[in-house]
Amino acid sequence: MSWDIEMMGHEMRSPYNDGFTTFEIKKKLYEIKWAVDKQLENSPNYVGETEWLEEQEKNHGKKEN
């Protein structure tokens, strides 16, 4: 799944694609993001999850939304 997302990002930034094509790719990425966000909002919390998320945020250089 992450490979597919990486490839979508690559295609979206490709200078060989026009804005109509790249905007469609970006819309699909937003749809994926919203679907994942919805599932995470409706998921239970686990022991050690907070610590794991903090470590991942450090490694990825981002904060959770």
C-alpha atoms as a PDB file:
ATOM      1  CA  MET A   1       0.000   0.000   0.000  1.00  0.00           C
ATOM      2  CA  SER A   2       2.716   2.514   0.883  1.00  0.00           C
ATOM      3  CA  TRP A   3       4.489   1.767  -2.421  1.00  0.00           C
ATOM      4  CA  ASP A   4       1.298   2.676  -4.299  1.00  0.00           C
ATOM      5  CA  ILE A   5       1.026   5.927  -2.354  1.00  0.00           C
ATOM      6  CA  GLU A   6       4.681   6.708  -3.082  1.00  0.00           C
ATOM      7  CA  MET A   7       4.078   6.109  -6.790  1.00  0.00           C
ATOM      8  CA  MET A   8       1.007   8.349  -6.735  1.00  0.00           C
ATOM      9  CA  GLY A   9       3.125  11.107  -5.204  1.00  0.00           C
ATOM     10  CA  HIS A  10       5.797  10.593  -7.839  1.00  0.00           C
ATOM     11  CA  GLU A  11       3.250  10.809 -10.660  1.00  0.00           C
ATOM     12  CA  MET A  12       1.601  13.840  -9.077  1.00  0.00           C
ATOM     13  CA  ARG A  13       4.923  15.720  -9.061  1.00  0.00           C
ATOM     14  CA  SER A  14       6.021  14.554 -12.501  1.00  0.00           C
ATOM     15  CA  PRO A  15       6.550  17.405 -14.963  1.00  0.00           C
ATOM     16  CA  TYR A  16       5.309  15.071 -17.707  1.00  0.00           C
ATOM     17  CA  ASN A  17       1.740  15.067 -16.333  1.00  0.00           C
ATOM     18  CA  ASP A  18      -0.679  17.937 -16.735  1.00  0.00           C
ATOM     19  CA  GLY A  19      -2.645  19.626 -13.969  1.00  0.00           C
ATOM     20  CA  PHE A  20      -5.834  17.749 -14.764  1.00  0.00           C
ATOM     21  CA  THR A  21      -4.086  14.415 -14.221  1.00  0.00           C
ATOM     22  CA  THR A  22      -2.125  15.459 -11.153  1.00  0.00           C
ATOM     23  CA  PHE A  23      -5.145  17.030  -9.474  1.00  0.00           C
ATOM     24  CA  GLU A  24      -7.031  13.735  -9.848  1.00  0.00           C
ATOM     25  CA  ILE A  25      -4.133  11.951  -8.168  1.00  0.00           C
ATOM     26  CA  LYS A  26      -4.115  14.488  -5.345  1.00  0.00           C
ATOM     27  CA  LYS A  27      -7.866  14.015  -4.843  1.00  0.00           C
ATOM     28  CA  LYS A  28      -7.311  10.247  -4.538  1.00  0.00           C
ATOM     29  CA  LEU A  29      -4.595  10.841  -1.940  1.00  0.00           C
ATOM     30  CA  TYR A  30      -7.000  12.991   0.085  1.00  0.00           C
ATOM     31  CA  GLU A  31      -9.643  10.239  -0.157  1.00  0.00           C
ATOM     32  CA  ILE A  32      -7.109   7.734   1.190  1.00  0.00           C
ATOM     33  CA  LYS A  33      -6.138  10.125   3.997  1.00  0.00           C
ATOM     34  CA  TRP A  34      -9.750  10.699   5.025  1.00  0.00           C
ATOM     35  CA  ALA A  35     -10.532   6.976   4.964  1.00  0.00           C
ATOM     36  CA  VAL A  36      -7.495   6.222   7.149  1.00  0.00           C
ATOM     37  CA  ASP A  37      -8.303   9.100   9.524  1.00  0.00           C
ATOM     38  CA  LYS A  38     -11.867   7.793   9.922  1.00  0.00           C
ATOM     39  CA  GLN A  39     -10.658   4.295  10.763  1.00  0.00           C
ATOM     40  CA  LEU A  40      -8.105   5.602  13.251  1.00  0.00           C
ATOM     41  CA  GLU A  41     -10.714   7.797  14.956  1.00  0.00           C
ATOM     42  CA  ASN A  42     -12.920   4.738  15.442  1.00  0.00           C
ATOM     43  CA  SER A  43     -10.158   2.432  16.666  1.00  0.00           C
ATOM     44  CA  PRO A  44      -9.406   1.483  20.275  1.00  0.00           C
ATOM     45  CA  ASN A  45      -6.367   2.731  22.178  1.00  0.00           C
ATOM     46  CA  TYR A  46      -3.648   0.269  23.124  1.00  0.00           C
ATOM     47  CA  VAL A  47      -1.048   0.063  25.860  1.00  0.00           C
ATOM     48  CA  GLY A  48       2.159   1.616  24.565  1.00  0.00           C
ATOM     49  CA  GLU A  49       0.429   3.329  21.647  1.00  0.00           C
ATOM     50  CA  THR A  50       1.126   6.876  22.849  1.00  0.00           C
ATOM     51  CA  GLU A  51       4.839   6.160  23.272  1.00  0.00           C
ATOM     52  CA  TRP A  52       5.011   4.459  19.874  1.00  0.00           C
ATOM     53  CA  LEU A  53       3.270   7.409  18.193  1.00  0.00           C
ATOM     54  CA  GLU A  54       5.630   9.900  19.845  1.00  0.00           C
ATOM     55  CA  GLU A  55       8.639   7.918  18.622  1.00  0.00           C
ATOM     56  CA  GLN A  56       7.207   7.695  15.099  1.00  0.00           C
ATOM     57  CA  GLU A  57       6.538  11.442  15.059  1.00  0.00           C
ATOM     58  CA  LYS A  58      10.193  12.049  15.945  1.00  0.00           C
ATOM     59  CA  ASN A  59      11.361   9.657  13.239  1.00  0.00           C
ATOM     60  CA  HIS A  60       9.067  11.111  10.585  1.00  0.00           C
ATOM     61  CA  GLY A  61       9.447  14.726  11.644  1.00  0.00           C
ATOM     62  CA  LYS A  62       5.691  15.302  11.820  1.00  0.00           C
ATOM     63  CA  LYS A  63       2.993  15.686  14.390  1.00  0.00           C
ATOM     64  CA  GLU A  64      -0.281  13.783  14.286  1.00  0.00           C
ATOM     65  CA  ASN A  65      -3.238  15.754  12.937  1.00  0.00           C
END
